[in-house]
Structure formats: structure tokens, C-alpha cells
Amino acid sequence: MKGRPEPSQSFQRIKVGLIGLIAVVVLIATASTIIASATHERAIGGSAQANLVAEIAASNDMLPETGEPLAEMGVAPSSANVQDAAPPR
């Protein structure tokens, strides 16, 4: 038969459990800090220039809407009929 554990063994088990718990909390806090600082985005060149943004927006408004985004980007040929196109000048 096992007798009652000594008080020193109980105290040591509590100590080991608390040290393990504190170690896990410190590890999680450190990992959280590292991940938060790694995902924090910084502006590389400052803010965007307003006149440049306005020019890009104006040039996009002047493009014809064909409903074919890949053809507008030049990635795929347009499916428009050749007869519909204006003759070259």
C-alpha cells in the first residue's frame, strides 16, 4: 500500500507545474510579439502623389470598355470581329 505523499513532493510538483505554466505564457507572448512586428506593414516611399494618381485614373477612364479584361490588358486577343474595327488611317 502506498502511503500519503510527503509535503515536500507535493510542493515540488506545484513548483514544476507553475514553472511550466509560466514558460508557456512567456513563449506565447514572445511569439505573438514577433508575429505582430513581422506583419506590421510600413510605407516604403511615403504617400502616393496626388497628381500621379489623378493621371492614372484619367487614363483608365479614357479606355473603351469591351467587357474583356484580358484583352484590355493585352494578355489575350480580343474576340471582336475584324470587320467591326475601324480601318487604319
Protein backbone atom coordinates (compact mmCIF):
# COMPACT_ATOMS: atom_id res chain seq x y z
CA MET A 1 0.00 0.00 0.00
CA LYS A 2 1.09 3.45 -0.80
CA GLY A 3 1.10 5.91 1.96
CA ARG A 4 0.37 9.57 1.85
CA PRO A 5 2.90 11.59 -0.24
CA GLU A 6 5.26 13.79 1.66
CA PRO A 7 4.52 17.52 1.71
CA SER A 8 7.83 18.27 0.02
CA GLN A 9 6.83 16.16 -3.01
CA SER A 10 3.52 18.00 -3.34
CA PHE A 11 5.27 21.35 -3.08
CA GLN A 12 7.80 20.31 -5.75
CA ARG A 13 5.02 19.18 -8.11
CA ILE A 14 3.23 22.51 -7.68
CA LYS A 15 6.52 24.35 -8.32
CA VAL A 16 7.21 22.38 -11.51
CA GLY A 17 3.66 22.94 -12.76
CA LEU A 18 3.81 26.69 -12.15
CA ILE A 19 7.22 26.99 -13.81
CA GLY A 20 5.88 25.10 -16.85
CA LEU A 21 2.80 27.32 -16.98
CA ILE A 22 4.90 30.50 -16.79
CA ALA A 23 7.23 29.18 -19.50
CA VAL A 24 4.28 28.55 -21.84
CA VAL A 25 2.84 32.02 -21.21
CA VAL A 26 6.23 33.67 -21.88
CA LEU A 27 6.66 31.61 -25.06
CA ILE A 28 3.22 32.60 -26.37
CA ALA A 29 3.80 36.28 -25.54
CA THR A 30 7.16 36.24 -27.35
CA ALA A 31 5.73 34.53 -30.43
CA SER A 32 2.82 36.95 -30.52
CA THR A 33 5.16 39.94 -30.35
CA ILE A 34 7.37 38.58 -33.14
CA ILE A 35 4.42 37.80 -35.40
CA ALA A 36 2.82 41.19 -34.77
CA SER A 37 6.03 43.04 -35.65
CA ALA A 38 6.60 40.90 -38.74
CA THR A 39 3.14 41.55 -40.16
CA HIS A 40 3.18 45.28 -39.46
CA GLU A 41 3.39 46.95 -42.88
CA ARG A 42 5.34 50.15 -43.26
CA ALA A 43 5.04 52.73 -46.02
CA ILE A 44 8.03 52.37 -48.33
CA GLY A 45 8.08 55.64 -50.21
CA GLY A 46 5.71 57.77 -48.24
CA SER A 47 2.25 58.62 -49.52
CA ALA A 48 1.18 58.48 -53.15
CA GLN A 49 1.48 61.63 -55.20
CA ALA A 50 -1.96 63.06 -55.89
CA ASN A 51 -1.22 64.23 -59.43
CA LEU A 52 0.15 60.80 -60.44
CA VAL A 53 -2.93 59.06 -59.08
CA ALA A 54 -5.19 61.53 -60.91
CA GLU A 55 -3.36 60.93 -64.22
CA ILE A 56 -3.68 57.15 -63.88
CA ALA A 57 -7.38 57.43 -63.06
CA ALA A 58 -7.97 59.76 -66.02
CA SER A 59 -6.14 57.45 -68.44
CA ASN A 60 -8.20 54.50 -67.21
CA ASP A 61 -11.43 56.41 -67.83
CA MET A 62 -10.46 57.04 -71.48
CA LEU A 63 -10.05 53.33 -72.27
CA PRO A 64 -13.01 51.73 -74.06
CA GLU A 65 -14.95 49.16 -72.09
CA THR A 66 -15.08 45.98 -74.15
CA GLY A 67 -16.06 43.66 -71.34
CA GLU A 68 -12.90 41.65 -71.94
CA PRO A 69 -10.43 42.42 -69.18
CA LEU A 70 -7.74 40.07 -70.50
CA ALA A 71 -7.90 41.67 -73.96
CA GLU A 72 -7.71 45.14 -72.39
CA MET A 73 -4.54 44.15 -70.55
CA GLY A 74 -3.07 42.68 -73.72
CA VAL A 75 -2.86 39.15 -72.34
CA ALA A 76 -5.36 37.56 -74.72
CA PRO A 77 -6.56 38.55 -78.18
CA SER A 78 -9.86 40.32 -78.49
CA SER A 79 -12.82 38.33 -79.73
CA ALA A 80 -14.29 41.35 -81.55
CA ASN A 81 -14.89 40.87 -85.27
CA VAL A 82 -12.24 42.28 -87.55
CA GLN A 83 -14.99 43.95 -89.63
CA ASP A 84 -16.16 45.95 -86.58
CA ALA A 85 -12.76 47.56 -86.13
CA ALA A 86 -12.10 50.95 -87.66
CA PRO A 87 -9.84 50.93 -90.72
CA PRO A 88 -6.26 52.17 -90.12
CA ARG A 89 -5.55 55.76 -91.19
